[in-house]
Amino acid sequence: MTTALVADSSAAMRLAASQMLESLGFRVIVSGDAADTLSLARELRPDLVLVDGRLETADGGLAVAAIRKISNACLFHVSADGGAAGVRSAMEAGADDYLVKPFDAALLRFKLAQARTRCRLRPENAWPRLVSDNSAGRAILWQLQPFGRAI
């Protein structure tokens, strides 16, 4: 099962994000502070991390940068600020994508699909497969399809 870590200082946001991710088939772990988040990311190696932009490490740095140093997980920066400067700083710190609060399940599903397309997040049991395509008429063609797309 694909694991997600939701790190947010707001209990309501942790609950909402957890419910959305669980409905999408993720096993969810939650954290409310940066130290616990870093410990969980190091120990459990989640596939996806949603981290609140206000979470700061003990030295005052962004939790996004600290998580990126210890984990190669798909990392979404979540913030109420959707301004260009906030998005840029999150991406420079190592975020793979950015979600503006409040977000809904449809947007989260879209962002997850983008992450899968960019190979930052692998869905469970989604190894490339070899499939036949006889739509050309005469000969059977073989295609390698990761995530349902022919390459």
Protein backbone atom coordinates (compact mmCIF):
# COMPACT_ATOMS: atom_id res chain seq x y z
CA MET A 1 0.00 0.00 0.00
CA THR A 2 1.22 3.51 -0.83
CA THR A 3 1.98 5.54 2.29
CA ALA A 4 1.39 9.26 2.78
CA LEU A 5 2.61 11.48 5.62
CA VAL A 6 0.43 14.52 6.36
CA ALA A 7 2.31 17.11 8.39
CA ASP A 8 0.24 20.11 9.43
CA SER A 9 -0.09 22.17 12.60
CA SER A 10 -3.89 22.26 12.19
CA ALA A 11 -5.73 19.18 13.42
CA ALA A 12 -8.67 19.96 11.12
CA MET A 13 -6.39 20.11 8.08
CA ARG A 14 -4.67 16.85 9.06
CA LEU A 15 -8.06 15.15 9.34
CA ALA A 16 -9.37 16.52 6.02
CA ALA A 17 -6.21 15.63 4.09
CA SER A 18 -6.09 12.18 5.72
CA GLN A 19 -9.66 11.41 4.73
CA MET A 20 -9.04 12.52 1.14
CA LEU A 21 -5.88 10.42 0.84
CA GLU A 22 -7.47 7.37 2.47
CA SER A 23 -10.36 7.59 -0.01
CA LEU A 24 -7.73 7.50 -2.78
CA GLY A 25 -6.19 4.31 -1.37
CA PHE A 26 -3.29 5.67 0.70
CA ARG A 27 -2.23 4.50 4.13
CA VAL A 28 -1.94 7.78 6.05
CA ILE A 29 0.32 8.83 8.92
CA VAL A 30 -0.14 12.26 10.52
CA SER A 31 2.13 14.65 12.36
CA GLY A 32 1.63 18.04 13.96
CA ASP A 33 5.18 19.32 14.33
CA ALA A 34 8.42 19.42 12.36
CA ALA A 35 10.52 17.23 14.67
CA ASP A 36 7.95 14.42 14.62
CA THR A 37 7.56 14.82 10.85
CA LEU A 38 11.29 14.45 10.24
CA SER A 39 11.44 11.41 12.51
CA LEU A 40 8.50 9.74 10.74
CA ALA A 41 9.89 10.56 7.29
CA ARG A 42 13.23 9.01 8.24
CA GLU A 43 11.79 5.89 9.87
CA LEU A 44 8.77 5.06 7.70
CA ARG A 45 9.97 6.30 4.29
CA PRO A 46 6.54 7.43 3.00
CA ASP A 47 5.88 7.64 -0.74
CA LEU A 48 4.14 11.02 -0.43
CA VAL A 49 4.54 13.88 2.06
CA LEU A 50 2.09 16.77 2.37
CA VAL A 51 3.76 19.37 4.56
CA ASP A 52 2.34 22.63 5.88
CA GLY A 53 4.33 25.67 4.82
CA ARG A 54 4.29 27.03 8.38
CA LEU A 55 6.04 24.00 9.84
CA GLU A 56 9.56 25.03 10.73
CA THR A 57 12.44 22.98 12.06
CA ALA A 58 14.14 23.76 15.37
CA ASP A 59 16.67 25.98 13.60
CA GLY A 60 13.89 27.99 11.93
CA GLY A 61 14.33 26.46 8.47
CA LEU A 62 11.51 25.22 6.27
CA ALA A 63 10.41 21.66 6.96
CA VAL A 64 10.26 21.11 3.18
CA ALA A 65 14.03 21.55 2.84
CA ALA A 66 14.73 19.35 5.88
CA ILE A 67 12.50 16.56 4.58
CA ARG A 68 14.07 16.75 1.12
CA LYS A 69 17.53 16.23 2.67
CA ILE A 70 16.48 12.91 4.24
CA SER A 71 13.82 11.63 1.84
CA ASN A 72 13.24 11.22 -1.87
CA ALA A 73 9.47 11.03 -1.38
CA CYS A 74 7.07 12.98 -3.55
CA LEU A 75 6.75 16.21 -1.57
CA PHE A 76 3.79 18.61 -1.70
CA HIS A 77 4.09 21.99 0.02
CA VAL A 78 0.68 23.00 1.42
CA SER A 79 0.00 26.62 2.28
CA ALA A 80 -2.77 29.20 2.51
CA ASP A 81 -0.52 31.57 0.54
CA GLY A 82 -0.76 30.98 -3.20
CA GLY A 83 1.47 33.90 -4.14
CA ALA A 84 4.29 33.51 -6.65
CA ALA A 85 7.00 34.16 -4.04
CA GLY A 86 5.66 31.41 -1.76
CA VAL A 87 5.41 28.92 -4.59
CA ARG A 88 8.92 29.76 -5.79
CA SER A 89 10.48 29.42 -2.33
CA ALA A 90 8.75 26.06 -1.78
CA MET A 91 10.00 24.72 -5.11
CA GLU A 92 13.51 26.03 -4.42
CA ALA A 93 13.43 24.27 -1.04
CA GLY A 94 12.70 20.96 -2.77
CA ALA A 95 8.92 20.63 -3.10
CA ASP A 96 7.64 18.69 -6.11
CA ASP A 97 4.34 20.53 -6.14
CA TYR A 98 2.27 23.09 -4.28
CA LEU A 99 -1.29 22.99 -2.91
CA VAL A 100 -3.17 26.07 -1.71
CA LYS A 101 -5.44 25.59 1.31
CA PRO A 102 -8.25 24.79 1.33
CA PHE A 103 -8.03 22.18 -1.42
CA ASP A 104 -10.55 19.54 -2.39
CA ALA A 105 -10.28 15.88 -3.35
CA ALA A 106 -10.55 16.65 -7.08
CA LEU A 107 -7.51 18.97 -6.99
CA LEU A 108 -5.53 16.52 -4.86
CA ARG A 109 -6.36 13.69 -7.27
CA PHE A 110 -5.23 15.88 -10.19
CA LYS A 111 -1.93 16.78 -8.49
CA LEU A 112 -1.30 13.11 -7.66
CA ALA A 113 -1.93 12.15 -11.29
CA GLN A 114 0.62 14.78 -12.36
CA ALA A 115 3.14 13.40 -9.87
CA ARG A 116 2.61 9.89 -11.23
CA THR A 117 3.06 11.11 -14.81
CA ARG A 118 6.34 12.77 -13.83
CA CYS A 119 7.35 9.50 -12.11
CA ARG A 120 7.62 11.21 -8.71
CA LEU A 121 4.93 8.95 -7.27
CA ARG A 122 4.41 5.33 -8.26
CA PRO A 123 0.94 3.89 -7.72
CA GLU A 124 0.76 0.51 -6.07
CA ASN A 125 1.45 -2.38 -8.45
CA ALA A 126 1.99 -0.01 -11.39
CA TRP A 127 5.09 -1.50 -12.92
CA PRO A 128 5.43 -1.08 -16.68
CA ARG A 129 3.78 -3.83 -18.65
CA LEU A 130 4.14 -5.14 -22.17
CA VAL A 131 0.86 -5.11 -24.11
CA SER A 132 -0.12 -6.02 -27.64
CA ASP A 133 -1.78 -3.53 -29.95
CA ASN A 134 -3.30 -4.92 -33.12
CA SER A 135 -5.10 -1.70 -34.07
CA ALA A 136 -2.66 -1.24 -36.98
CA GLY A 137 -4.42 -4.02 -38.82
CA ARG A 138 -1.78 -6.36 -40.21
CA ALA A 139 0.88 -6.90 -37.59
CA ILE A 140 0.68 -7.08 -33.82
CA LEU A 141 2.66 -4.28 -32.24
CA TRP A 142 4.05 -4.51 -28.74
CA GLN A 143 4.17 -1.45 -26.46
CA LEU A 144 5.61 -0.79 -23.04
CA GLN A 145 2.99 0.97 -20.94
CA PRO A 146 3.91 2.59 -17.63
CA PHE A 147 0.83 4.13 -15.95
CA GLY A 148 -1.37 3.11 -18.89
CA ARG A 149 0.49 5.20 -21.48
CA ALA A 150 2.33 3.71 -24.39
CA ILE A 151 5.96 4.65 -24.86
